[in-house]
């Protein structure tokens, strides 16, 4: 992810990466996802998309983004 906007800086400070292994049905992938996530809030699945964690869905959207 490139820091192309001020909003991206908030995500980059808590972003981790994981090599996408396909549909997450394989229990063996779970420890790798957790290890790659670490203490971060966002996890980029390379060649796939972004995951995020939090207490609520709304709470995981960047609060610093103006719409």
C-alpha atoms as a PDB file:
ATOM      1  CA  UNK A   1       0.000   0.000   0.000  1.00  0.00           C
ATOM      2  CA  UNK A   2       1.321   3.394  -0.939  1.00  0.00           C
ATOM      3  CA  UNK A   3       0.820   6.500   1.217  1.00  0.00           C
ATOM      4  CA  UNK A   4      -1.062   8.401  -1.477  1.00  0.00           C
ATOM      5  CA  UNK A   5      -3.406  10.277   0.845  1.00  0.00           C
ATOM      6  CA  UNK A   6      -3.483  11.540   4.403  1.00  0.00           C
ATOM      7  CA  UNK A   7      -6.090   8.898   5.264  1.00  0.00           C
ATOM      8  CA  UNK A   8      -3.765   6.067   4.214  1.00  0.00           C
ATOM      9  CA  UNK A   9      -1.268   7.064   6.907  1.00  0.00           C
ATOM     10  CA  UNK A  10      -3.730   5.957   9.615  1.00  0.00           C
ATOM     11  CA  UNK A  11      -4.040   2.501   8.065  1.00  0.00           C
ATOM     12  CA  UNK A  12      -0.354   2.076   7.254  1.00  0.00           C
ATOM     13  CA  UNK A  13       0.587   2.476  10.919  1.00  0.00           C
ATOM     14  CA  UNK A  14      -1.332  -0.714  11.764  1.00  0.00           C
ATOM     15  CA  UNK A  15      -1.063  -2.774   8.558  1.00  0.00           C
ATOM     16  CA  UNK A  16       0.351  -6.288   8.239  1.00  0.00           C
ATOM     17  CA  UNK A  17       0.634  -8.567   5.196  1.00  0.00           C
ATOM     18  CA  UNK A  18      -0.220 -12.226   4.547  1.00  0.00           C
ATOM     19  CA  UNK A  19       0.275 -14.282   1.391  1.00  0.00           C
ATOM     20  CA  UNK A  20      -3.239 -15.240   0.263  1.00  0.00           C
ATOM     21  CA  UNK A  21      -3.594 -19.040   0.293  1.00  0.00           C
ATOM     22  CA  UNK A  22      -7.100 -19.371  -1.106  1.00  0.00           C
ATOM     23  CA  UNK A  23     -10.446 -19.776   0.636  1.00  0.00           C
ATOM     24  CA  UNK A  24      -9.711 -19.943   4.382  1.00  0.00           C
ATOM     25  CA  UNK A  25     -11.201 -23.379   4.974  1.00  0.00           C
ATOM     26  CA  UNK A  26      -7.891 -25.009   5.865  1.00  0.00           C
ATOM     27  CA  UNK A  27      -7.382 -24.948   9.647  1.00  0.00           C
ATOM     28  CA  UNK A  28      -3.611 -25.020   9.097  1.00  0.00           C
ATOM     29  CA  UNK A  29      -3.757 -21.441   7.753  1.00  0.00           C
ATOM     30  CA  UNK A  30      -5.313 -19.996  10.937  1.00  0.00           C
ATOM     31  CA  UNK A  31      -2.068 -19.835  12.973  1.00  0.00           C
ATOM     32  CA  UNK A  32      -0.293 -18.147  10.047  1.00  0.00           C
ATOM     33  CA  UNK A  33      -3.072 -15.541   9.740  1.00  0.00           C
ATOM     34  CA  UNK A  34      -2.896 -14.832  13.468  1.00  0.00           C
ATOM     35  CA  UNK A  35       0.911 -14.655  13.460  1.00  0.00           C
ATOM     36  CA  UNK A  36       0.981 -12.307  10.462  1.00  0.00           C
ATOM     37  CA  UNK A  37      -1.746 -10.104  11.972  1.00  0.00           C
ATOM     38  CA  UNK A  38       0.145  -9.720  15.248  1.00  0.00           C
ATOM     39  CA  UNK A  39      -1.015  -6.621  17.138  1.00  0.00           C
ATOM     40  CA  UNK A  40      -2.123  -4.863  13.938  1.00  0.00           C
ATOM     41  CA  UNK A  41      -5.670  -3.853  13.067  1.00  0.00           C
ATOM     42  CA  UNK A  42      -5.487  -4.371   9.296  1.00  0.00           C
ATOM     43  CA  UNK A  43      -4.211  -7.370   7.345  1.00  0.00           C
ATOM     44  CA  UNK A  44      -3.609  -7.154   3.601  1.00  0.00           C
ATOM     45  CA  UNK A  45      -4.026 -10.486   1.836  1.00  0.00           C
ATOM     46  CA  UNK A  46      -1.579 -10.172  -1.031  1.00  0.00           C
ATOM     47  CA  UNK A  47      -3.345 -10.450  -4.407  1.00  0.00           C
ATOM     48  CA  UNK A  48      -6.730 -10.550  -2.696  1.00  0.00           C
ATOM     49  CA  UNK A  49      -7.912  -7.822  -0.321  1.00  0.00           C
ATOM     50  CA  UNK A  50      -7.968  -6.251   3.121  1.00  0.00           C
ATOM     51  CA  UNK A  51      -9.117  -7.765   6.432  1.00  0.00           C
ATOM     52  CA  UNK A  52      -9.741  -5.783   9.596  1.00  0.00           C
ATOM     53  CA  UNK A  53     -10.687  -6.679  13.156  1.00  0.00           C
ATOM     54  CA  UNK A  54     -12.554  -4.875  15.906  1.00  0.00           C
ATOM     55  CA  UNK A  55     -15.410  -5.002  18.382  1.00  0.00           C
ATOM     56  CA  UNK A  56     -17.897  -3.704  15.773  1.00  0.00           C
ATOM     57  CA  UNK A  57     -17.949  -3.314  12.003  1.00  0.00           C
ATOM     58  CA  UNK A  58     -18.505   0.430  12.258  1.00  0.00           C
ATOM     59  CA  UNK A  59     -15.654   0.726  14.724  1.00  0.00           C
ATOM     60  CA  UNK A  60     -13.186  -0.630  12.173  1.00  0.00           C
ATOM     61  CA  UNK A  61     -13.747   2.012   9.548  1.00  0.00           C
ATOM     62  CA  UNK A  62     -11.080   4.709   9.748  1.00  0.00           C
ATOM     63  CA  UNK A  63     -12.426   7.424  12.007  1.00  0.00           C
ATOM     64  CA  UNK A  64     -10.190  10.007  10.393  1.00  0.00           C
ATOM     65  CA  UNK A  65     -11.752   9.753   6.937  1.00  0.00           C
ATOM     66  CA  UNK A  66     -14.084  12.566   5.957  1.00  0.00           C
ATOM     67  CA  UNK A  67     -16.960  11.617   3.674  1.00  0.00           C
END
